[in-house]
N, C-alpha and C. Protein backbone atom coordinates (compact mmCIF):
# COMPACT_ATOMS: atom_id res chain seq x y z
N UNK A 1 -54.73 3.95 26.84
CA UNK A 1 -54.54 5.26 26.27
C UNK A 1 -54.56 5.12 24.75
N UNK A 2 -55.22 6.05 24.08
CA UNK A 2 -55.33 6.01 22.63
C UNK A 2 -54.03 6.33 21.93
N UNK A 3 -54.02 6.09 20.63
CA UNK A 3 -52.80 6.29 19.85
C UNK A 3 -52.37 7.75 19.80
N UNK A 4 -53.30 8.66 19.62
CA UNK A 4 -52.96 10.08 19.53
C UNK A 4 -52.44 10.60 20.87
N UNK A 5 -53.04 10.18 21.96
CA UNK A 5 -52.59 10.61 23.29
C UNK A 5 -51.23 10.00 23.63
N UNK A 6 -50.91 8.85 23.06
CA UNK A 6 -49.66 8.16 23.36
C UNK A 6 -48.45 8.82 22.72
N UNK A 7 -48.66 9.62 21.70
CA UNK A 7 -47.53 10.22 20.98
C UNK A 7 -46.70 11.12 21.90
N UNK A 8 -47.33 11.75 22.87
CA UNK A 8 -46.58 12.63 23.77
C UNK A 8 -45.54 11.86 24.58
N UNK A 9 -45.76 10.58 24.84
CA UNK A 9 -44.78 9.77 25.55
C UNK A 9 -43.71 9.21 24.61
N UNK A 10 -43.93 9.31 23.32
CA UNK A 10 -43.07 8.70 22.32
C UNK A 10 -42.18 9.73 21.63
N UNK A 11 -42.16 10.96 22.09
CA UNK A 11 -41.42 12.03 21.43
C UNK A 11 -39.90 11.77 21.36
N UNK A 12 -39.23 11.24 22.39
CA UNK A 12 -37.79 10.97 22.23
C UNK A 12 -37.48 10.01 21.08
N UNK A 13 -38.31 9.00 20.90
CA UNK A 13 -38.11 8.08 19.79
C UNK A 13 -38.36 8.77 18.45
N UNK A 14 -39.32 9.68 18.42
CA UNK A 14 -39.57 10.43 17.19
C UNK A 14 -38.40 11.34 16.85
N UNK A 15 -37.74 11.89 17.86
CA UNK A 15 -36.56 12.71 17.63
C UNK A 15 -35.44 11.86 17.04
N UNK A 16 -35.26 10.65 17.54
CA UNK A 16 -34.24 9.75 16.99
C UNK A 16 -34.57 9.38 15.54
N UNK A 17 -35.83 9.13 15.25
CA UNK A 17 -36.23 8.80 13.88
C UNK A 17 -35.99 9.99 12.95
N UNK A 18 -36.31 11.20 13.41
CA UNK A 18 -36.03 12.39 12.60
C UNK A 18 -34.53 12.56 12.37
N UNK A 19 -33.74 12.24 13.38
CA UNK A 19 -32.28 12.30 13.24
C UNK A 19 -31.80 11.32 12.18
N UNK A 20 -32.38 10.13 12.17
CA UNK A 20 -32.00 9.14 11.16
C UNK A 20 -32.31 9.62 9.76
N UNK A 21 -33.48 10.19 9.57
CA UNK A 21 -33.85 10.69 8.24
C UNK A 21 -32.90 11.80 7.80
N UNK A 22 -32.61 12.73 8.70
CA UNK A 22 -31.69 13.82 8.37
C UNK A 22 -30.29 13.28 8.09
N UNK A 23 -29.84 12.29 8.86
CA UNK A 23 -28.50 11.72 8.66
C UNK A 23 -28.40 11.00 7.32
N UNK A 24 -29.44 10.28 6.93
CA UNK A 24 -29.42 9.58 5.64
C UNK A 24 -29.38 10.58 4.50
N UNK A 25 -30.20 11.61 4.57
CA UNK A 25 -30.22 12.62 3.51
C UNK A 25 -28.90 13.38 3.47
N UNK A 26 -28.36 13.72 4.63
CA UNK A 26 -27.08 14.45 4.67
C UNK A 26 -25.96 13.59 4.11
N UNK A 27 -25.98 12.30 4.38
CA UNK A 27 -24.93 11.43 3.85
C UNK A 27 -25.01 11.33 2.33
N UNK A 28 -26.20 11.43 1.79
CA UNK A 28 -26.34 11.44 0.33
C UNK A 28 -25.81 12.73 -0.28
N UNK A 29 -25.93 13.82 0.45
CA UNK A 29 -25.54 15.13 -0.07
C UNK A 29 -24.04 15.38 0.11
N UNK A 30 -23.48 15.00 1.26
CA UNK A 30 -22.07 15.29 1.54
C UNK A 30 -21.13 14.49 0.65
N UNK A 31 -19.99 15.09 0.35
CA UNK A 31 -18.96 14.38 -0.42
C UNK A 31 -18.20 13.43 0.51
N UNK A 32 -17.27 12.68 -0.07
CA UNK A 32 -16.50 11.72 0.74
C UNK A 32 -15.70 12.41 1.84
N UNK A 33 -15.16 13.57 1.54
CA UNK A 33 -14.35 14.29 2.54
C UNK A 33 -15.19 14.84 3.68
N UNK A 34 -16.45 15.15 3.40
CA UNK A 34 -17.30 15.78 4.42
C UNK A 34 -18.29 14.82 5.05
N UNK A 35 -18.17 13.53 4.80
CA UNK A 35 -19.16 12.60 5.35
C UNK A 35 -19.04 12.47 6.87
N UNK A 36 -17.92 12.90 7.44
CA UNK A 36 -17.78 12.86 8.91
C UNK A 36 -18.77 13.80 9.59
N UNK A 37 -19.29 14.79 8.87
CA UNK A 37 -20.23 15.74 9.46
C UNK A 37 -21.54 15.08 9.86
N UNK A 38 -21.83 13.93 9.28
CA UNK A 38 -23.03 13.18 9.68
C UNK A 38 -22.93 12.79 11.15
N UNK A 39 -21.73 12.53 11.61
CA UNK A 39 -21.53 12.21 13.03
C UNK A 39 -21.97 13.34 13.94
N UNK A 40 -21.71 14.57 13.53
CA UNK A 40 -22.15 15.71 14.34
C UNK A 40 -23.67 15.84 14.33
N UNK A 41 -24.30 15.50 13.21
CA UNK A 41 -25.76 15.50 13.17
C UNK A 41 -26.34 14.45 14.11
N UNK A 42 -25.71 13.28 14.13
CA UNK A 42 -26.16 12.22 15.01
C UNK A 42 -25.96 12.61 16.48
N UNK A 43 -24.85 13.25 16.78
CA UNK A 43 -24.62 13.72 18.15
C UNK A 43 -25.69 14.72 18.55
N UNK A 44 -26.00 15.65 17.66
CA UNK A 44 -27.04 16.64 17.95
C UNK A 44 -28.38 15.98 18.20
N UNK A 45 -28.73 15.01 17.37
CA UNK A 45 -30.00 14.31 17.55
C UNK A 45 -30.06 13.52 18.84
N UNK A 46 -28.97 12.88 19.22
CA UNK A 46 -28.96 12.12 20.47
C UNK A 46 -29.06 13.04 21.68
N UNK A 47 -28.39 14.18 21.62
CA UNK A 47 -28.49 15.14 22.72
C UNK A 47 -29.91 15.70 22.81
N UNK A 48 -30.51 15.99 21.67
CA UNK A 48 -31.89 16.49 21.68
C UNK A 48 -32.85 15.44 22.23
N UNK A 49 -32.68 14.19 21.83
CA UNK A 49 -33.55 13.12 22.35
C UNK A 49 -33.37 12.95 23.85
N UNK A 50 -32.13 13.07 24.32
CA UNK A 50 -31.88 12.98 25.76
C UNK A 50 -32.53 14.13 26.52
N UNK A 51 -32.45 15.33 25.95
CA UNK A 51 -33.08 16.48 26.60
C UNK A 51 -34.60 16.34 26.64
N UNK A 52 -35.18 15.87 25.55
CA UNK A 52 -36.63 15.68 25.53
C UNK A 52 -37.03 14.63 26.56
N UNK A 53 -36.24 13.56 26.66
CA UNK A 53 -36.53 12.52 27.65
C UNK A 53 -36.36 13.07 29.06
N UNK A 54 -35.35 13.89 29.28
CA UNK A 54 -35.11 14.48 30.60
C UNK A 54 -36.24 15.43 30.99
N UNK A 55 -36.74 16.20 30.03
CA UNK A 55 -37.78 17.19 30.33
C UNK A 55 -39.18 16.59 30.40
N UNK A 56 -39.36 15.39 29.89
CA UNK A 56 -40.68 14.76 30.00
C UNK A 56 -40.89 14.33 31.44
N UNK A 57 -42.08 14.54 31.95
CA UNK A 57 -42.30 14.27 33.37
C UNK A 57 -42.23 12.77 33.68
N UNK A 58 -41.44 12.40 34.68
CA UNK A 58 -41.41 10.98 35.07
C UNK A 58 -42.70 10.62 35.79
N UNK A 59 -43.35 9.66 35.28
CA UNK A 59 -44.62 9.25 35.87
C UNK A 59 -44.54 7.79 36.26
N UNK A 60 -45.61 7.33 36.81
CA UNK A 60 -45.67 5.92 37.13
C UNK A 60 -45.88 5.12 35.85
N UNK A 61 -46.03 3.86 35.97
CA UNK A 61 -46.17 2.99 34.81
C UNK A 61 -47.40 3.39 34.00
N UNK A 62 -47.17 3.68 32.71
CA UNK A 62 -48.24 4.14 31.84
C UNK A 62 -48.25 3.30 30.57
N UNK A 63 -49.32 2.56 30.32
CA UNK A 63 -49.41 1.83 29.04
C UNK A 63 -49.79 2.79 27.92
N UNK A 64 -49.09 2.68 26.79
CA UNK A 64 -49.38 3.54 25.64
C UNK A 64 -49.65 2.69 24.41
N UNK A 65 -50.18 3.32 23.39
CA UNK A 65 -50.52 2.67 22.13
C UNK A 65 -51.39 1.44 22.36
N UNK A 66 -52.52 1.67 23.01
CA UNK A 66 -53.51 0.63 23.28
C UNK A 66 -52.90 -0.57 24.01
N UNK A 67 -52.12 -0.27 25.04
CA UNK A 67 -51.50 -1.26 25.94
C UNK A 67 -50.48 -2.16 25.26
N UNK A 68 -49.84 -1.69 24.20
CA UNK A 68 -48.80 -2.51 23.56
C UNK A 68 -47.41 -2.18 24.08
N UNK A 69 -47.21 -0.97 24.62
CA UNK A 69 -45.92 -0.54 25.17
C UNK A 69 -46.19 0.08 26.53
N UNK A 70 -45.25 -0.12 27.45
CA UNK A 70 -45.38 0.47 28.78
C UNK A 70 -44.22 1.43 28.99
N UNK A 71 -44.53 2.65 29.43
CA UNK A 71 -43.52 3.64 29.78
C UNK A 71 -43.47 3.72 31.30
N UNK A 72 -42.27 3.49 31.84
CA UNK A 72 -42.09 3.57 33.28
C UNK A 72 -40.71 4.15 33.58
N UNK A 73 -40.43 4.49 34.83
CA UNK A 73 -39.11 5.07 35.15
C UNK A 73 -37.94 4.14 34.81
N UNK A 74 -38.14 2.84 34.91
CA UNK A 74 -37.08 1.89 34.59
C UNK A 74 -36.72 1.95 33.11
N UNK A 75 -37.71 2.10 32.25
CA UNK A 75 -37.42 2.20 30.81
C UNK A 75 -36.71 3.50 30.49
N UNK A 76 -37.02 4.56 31.22
CA UNK A 76 -36.33 5.84 31.01
C UNK A 76 -34.85 5.72 31.33
N UNK A 77 -34.52 4.98 32.37
CA UNK A 77 -33.11 4.79 32.73
C UNK A 77 -32.37 4.08 31.60
N UNK A 78 -32.98 3.05 31.04
CA UNK A 78 -32.34 2.33 29.95
C UNK A 78 -32.20 3.19 28.71
N UNK A 79 -33.18 4.04 28.45
CA UNK A 79 -33.06 4.94 27.30
C UNK A 79 -31.87 5.89 27.48
N UNK A 80 -31.72 6.43 28.69
CA UNK A 80 -30.58 7.30 28.96
C UNK A 80 -29.26 6.55 28.78
N UNK A 81 -29.20 5.32 29.24
CA UNK A 81 -27.97 4.52 29.11
C UNK A 81 -27.65 4.29 27.64
N UNK A 82 -28.64 3.94 26.84
CA UNK A 82 -28.41 3.69 25.41
C UNK A 82 -28.01 4.97 24.68
N UNK A 83 -28.66 6.08 25.00
CA UNK A 83 -28.30 7.35 24.36
C UNK A 83 -26.86 7.73 24.73
N UNK A 84 -26.51 7.59 26.00
CA UNK A 84 -25.17 7.96 26.44
C UNK A 84 -24.11 7.05 25.83
N UNK A 85 -24.36 5.75 25.78
CA UNK A 85 -23.39 4.82 25.21
C UNK A 85 -23.16 5.10 23.73
N UNK A 86 -24.24 5.35 23.00
CA UNK A 86 -24.10 5.66 21.57
C UNK A 86 -23.39 6.98 21.38
N UNK A 87 -23.69 7.95 22.21
CA UNK A 87 -23.03 9.25 22.13
C UNK A 87 -21.53 9.12 22.36
N UNK A 88 -21.13 8.32 23.32
CA UNK A 88 -19.70 8.12 23.60
C UNK A 88 -19.01 7.44 22.42
N UNK A 89 -19.65 6.42 21.84
CA UNK A 89 -19.05 5.70 20.71
C UNK A 89 -18.90 6.63 19.51
N UNK A 90 -19.91 7.44 19.23
CA UNK A 90 -19.82 8.36 18.09
C UNK A 90 -18.75 9.41 18.34
N UNK A 91 -18.66 9.94 19.54
CA UNK A 91 -17.62 10.92 19.85
C UNK A 91 -16.22 10.32 19.71
N UNK A 92 -16.05 9.09 20.15
CA UNK A 92 -14.75 8.44 20.02
C UNK A 92 -14.44 8.15 18.56
N UNK A 93 -15.45 7.83 17.78
CA UNK A 93 -15.23 7.51 16.36
C UNK A 93 -14.88 8.74 15.55
N UNK A 94 -15.46 9.87 15.89
CA UNK A 94 -15.15 11.10 15.16
C UNK A 94 -13.68 11.47 15.33
N UNK A 95 -13.14 11.22 16.51
CA UNK A 95 -11.75 11.57 16.78
C UNK A 95 -10.76 10.48 16.38
N UNK A 96 -11.24 9.39 15.81
CA UNK A 96 -10.36 8.28 15.43
C UNK A 96 -9.61 8.59 14.15
N UNK A 97 -8.31 8.35 14.15
CA UNK A 97 -7.49 8.57 12.95
C UNK A 97 -7.70 7.48 11.91
N UNK A 98 -8.13 6.31 12.33
CA UNK A 98 -8.33 5.20 11.40
C UNK A 98 -9.50 5.44 10.45
N UNK A 99 -10.45 6.25 10.85
CA UNK A 99 -11.63 6.49 10.03
C UNK A 99 -11.54 7.74 9.18
N UNK A 100 -10.43 8.45 9.23
CA UNK A 100 -10.29 9.70 8.48
C UNK A 100 -10.28 9.48 6.97
N UNK A 101 -9.79 8.32 6.52
CA UNK A 101 -9.62 8.10 5.08
C UNK A 101 -10.80 7.39 4.43
N UNK A 102 -11.82 7.03 5.19
CA UNK A 102 -12.97 6.32 4.61
C UNK A 102 -14.24 7.13 4.81
N UNK A 103 -15.24 6.80 4.02
CA UNK A 103 -16.54 7.46 4.14
C UNK A 103 -17.25 6.92 5.38
N UNK A 104 -17.61 7.78 6.30
CA UNK A 104 -18.13 7.33 7.59
C UNK A 104 -19.60 7.68 7.83
N UNK A 105 -20.25 8.29 6.88
CA UNK A 105 -21.64 8.69 7.09
C UNK A 105 -22.56 7.52 7.38
N UNK A 106 -22.37 6.41 6.66
CA UNK A 106 -23.20 5.23 6.89
C UNK A 106 -22.96 4.66 8.28
N UNK A 107 -21.71 4.71 8.72
CA UNK A 107 -21.37 4.19 10.04
C UNK A 107 -22.11 4.95 11.13
N UNK A 108 -22.09 6.27 11.06
CA UNK A 108 -22.77 7.07 12.07
C UNK A 108 -24.28 6.88 12.01
N UNK A 109 -24.81 6.72 10.81
CA UNK A 109 -26.24 6.46 10.68
C UNK A 109 -26.61 5.12 11.31
N UNK A 110 -25.79 4.11 11.09
CA UNK A 110 -26.05 2.81 11.70
C UNK A 110 -25.94 2.86 13.22
N UNK A 111 -25.04 3.68 13.72
CA UNK A 111 -24.94 3.83 15.17
C UNK A 111 -26.24 4.42 15.73
N UNK A 112 -26.81 5.37 15.02
CA UNK A 112 -28.07 5.96 15.47
C UNK A 112 -29.23 4.98 15.34
N UNK A 113 -29.17 4.12 14.33
CA UNK A 113 -30.23 3.11 14.15
C UNK A 113 -30.24 2.15 15.33
N UNK A 114 -29.07 1.83 15.84
CA UNK A 114 -28.98 0.85 16.93
C UNK A 114 -29.55 1.38 18.25
N UNK A 115 -29.76 2.66 18.35
CA UNK A 115 -30.36 3.21 19.57
C UNK A 115 -31.77 2.72 19.63
């Protein structure tokens, strides 16, 4: 499958990348007191990526990007697990009292990078 045709299978990853860009820019704009809001942006991006992955049709094994990556149902399961695990960690971190006094925007951005 060609590169342009492969992009339709890569949309959840593109949503995560867009979330990272927005989180980095938002962290630069927000003050120290409001840097926790980056966590909500990351949560929104992870939920959107999960929805896009859920709505994409599950197909059989499909090689994309000139046979360099394979998309299959097994990889979709792992993507859901990683999105859910990161979402739980970010939700728990937002409610943590230990992080209230420090700037946390970079932390939430790094959590999204690890997805």
